[in-house]
Protein backbone atom coordinates (compact mmCIF):
# COMPACT_ATOMS: atom_id res chain seq x y z
CA UNK A 1 20.96 -16.23 -7.35
CA UNK A 2 19.98 -16.64 -3.72
CA UNK A 3 16.44 -17.56 -2.73
CA UNK A 4 14.27 -14.64 -1.77
CA UNK A 5 11.74 -14.51 1.03
CA UNK A 6 9.30 -12.77 -1.29
CA UNK A 7 8.70 -14.82 -4.41
CA UNK A 8 7.06 -12.73 -7.16
CA UNK A 9 5.24 -15.87 -8.32
CA UNK A 10 3.36 -15.92 -5.00
CA UNK A 11 1.33 -12.89 -6.08
CA UNK A 12 -0.51 -15.15 -8.55
CA UNK A 13 -1.50 -17.36 -5.60
CA UNK A 14 -3.27 -14.54 -3.73
CA UNK A 15 -6.72 -15.84 -4.66
CA UNK A 16 -5.96 -19.08 -2.85
CA UNK A 17 -6.23 -17.40 0.56
CA UNK A 18 -9.88 -18.40 0.46
CA UNK A 19 -8.93 -22.08 0.65
CA UNK A 20 -8.33 -22.03 4.39
CA UNK A 21 -11.07 -19.56 5.23
CA UNK A 22 -13.54 -19.41 2.38
CA UNK A 23 -16.15 -17.16 4.00
CA UNK A 24 -13.72 -14.51 5.24
CA UNK A 25 -11.57 -14.71 2.11
CA UNK A 26 -14.59 -14.16 -0.10
CA UNK A 27 -15.74 -11.25 2.06
CA UNK A 28 -12.31 -9.68 1.68
CA UNK A 29 -12.32 -10.08 -2.10
CA UNK A 30 -15.87 -8.69 -2.33
CA UNK A 31 -14.78 -5.66 -0.31
CA UNK A 32 -11.50 -5.28 -2.22
CA UNK A 33 -13.33 -5.43 -5.54
CA UNK A 34 -15.91 -2.88 -4.43
CA UNK A 35 -13.24 -0.47 -3.20
CA UNK A 36 -11.49 -0.44 -6.57
CA UNK A 37 -14.64 0.17 -8.62
CA UNK A 38 -15.04 3.59 -10.18
CA UNK A 39 -16.61 5.92 -7.64
CA UNK A 40 -15.85 9.43 -6.47
CA UNK A 41 -12.27 8.55 -7.39
CA UNK A 42 -11.32 7.12 -10.74
CA UNK A 43 -9.71 3.69 -10.96
CA UNK A 44 -6.58 5.49 -12.14
CA UNK A 45 -6.52 7.66 -9.00
CA UNK A 46 -7.11 4.62 -6.81
CA UNK A 47 -4.22 2.83 -8.51
CA UNK A 48 -1.88 5.73 -7.66
CA UNK A 49 -3.08 5.73 -4.04
CA UNK A 50 -2.57 1.97 -3.85
CA UNK A 51 0.94 2.31 -5.26
CA UNK A 52 1.86 4.96 -2.68
CA UNK A 53 0.44 2.87 0.16
CA UNK A 54 2.21 -0.22 -1.19
CA UNK A 55 5.48 1.62 -0.74
CA UNK A 56 4.73 2.96 2.74
CA UNK A 57 3.68 -0.55 3.79
CA UNK A 58 6.72 -1.96 1.97
CA UNK A 59 4.73 -4.74 0.31
CA UNK A 60 6.67 -6.04 -2.70
CA UNK A 61 3.62 -7.91 -3.99
CA UNK A 62 1.54 -4.73 -3.93
CA UNK A 63 4.34 -2.70 -5.49
CA UNK A 64 4.52 -5.20 -8.36
CA UNK A 65 0.76 -5.34 -8.76
CA UNK A 66 0.09 -1.60 -8.69
CA UNK A 67 3.10 -0.70 -10.81
CA UNK A 68 1.74 -3.03 -13.49
CA UNK A 69 -1.82 -1.79 -12.93
CA UNK A 70 -0.69 1.82 -13.17
CA UNK A 71 1.16 1.25 -16.42
CA UNK A 72 -1.92 -0.45 -17.86
CA UNK A 73 -3.97 2.61 -16.89
CA UNK A 74 -1.54 4.98 -18.62
CA UNK A 75 0.07 6.32 -15.45
CA UNK A 76 3.52 7.65 -16.24
CA UNK A 77 6.71 6.82 -14.38
CA UNK A 78 6.89 10.43 -13.19
CA UNK A 79 3.35 10.28 -11.80
CA UNK A 80 4.17 7.00 -10.05
CA UNK A 81 7.32 8.44 -8.48
CA UNK A 82 5.46 11.55 -7.35
CA UNK A 83 2.84 9.33 -5.68
CA UNK A 84 5.63 7.40 -3.93
CA UNK A 85 7.10 10.69 -2.69
CA UNK A 86 3.69 11.75 -1.36
CA UNK A 87 3.46 8.47 0.54
CA UNK A 88 7.01 8.89 1.85
CA UNK A 89 6.30 12.46 3.00
CA UNK A 90 3.19 11.38 4.89
CA UNK A 91 5.00 8.41 6.46
CA UNK A 92 7.90 10.67 7.48
CA UNK A 93 5.58 13.31 8.89
CA UNK A 94 3.61 10.70 10.82
CA UNK A 95 6.84 9.44 12.34
CA UNK A 96 8.09 12.91 13.21
CA UNK A 97 4.82 14.15 14.71
CA UNK A 98 5.04 11.32 17.22
CA UNK A 99 8.17 13.09 18.45
CA UNK A 100 5.74 15.44 20.22
CA UNK A 101 4.78 12.50 22.46
CA UNK A 102 8.44 12.04 23.35
CA UNK A 103 8.82 15.76 24.01
CA UNK A 104 5.73 15.74 26.24
CA UNK A 105 7.12 12.78 28.20
CA UNK A 106 10.54 14.44 28.64
CA UNK A 107 8.88 17.68 29.79
CA UNK A 108 6.70 15.77 32.26
CA UNK A 109 9.66 13.84 33.69
CA UNK A 110 11.85 16.95 33.86
CA UNK A 111 9.06 19.07 35.33
């Protein structure tokens, strides 16, 4: 098997990012932890959002982490796939709506 750029074992090393910048790393982890606490959204809902974003950002580490997290929270494979489709639809729409900028530029140059 060929070496991969993304090594799934690296996800376990995530906490080590504080080694080269302890203050900022700790601030990130404090923020990250606070964001995922139960609030107006449940931790289950936040896990689904994170999974969808992980796919739109194409982060294999996040996909692994939030797939596992979702399964541990009782999220079904169908719910996960629906969340991924929601993310894909938003990403596609965001790309397409920028076509208006292109249309505006063409109209300006042709006008």
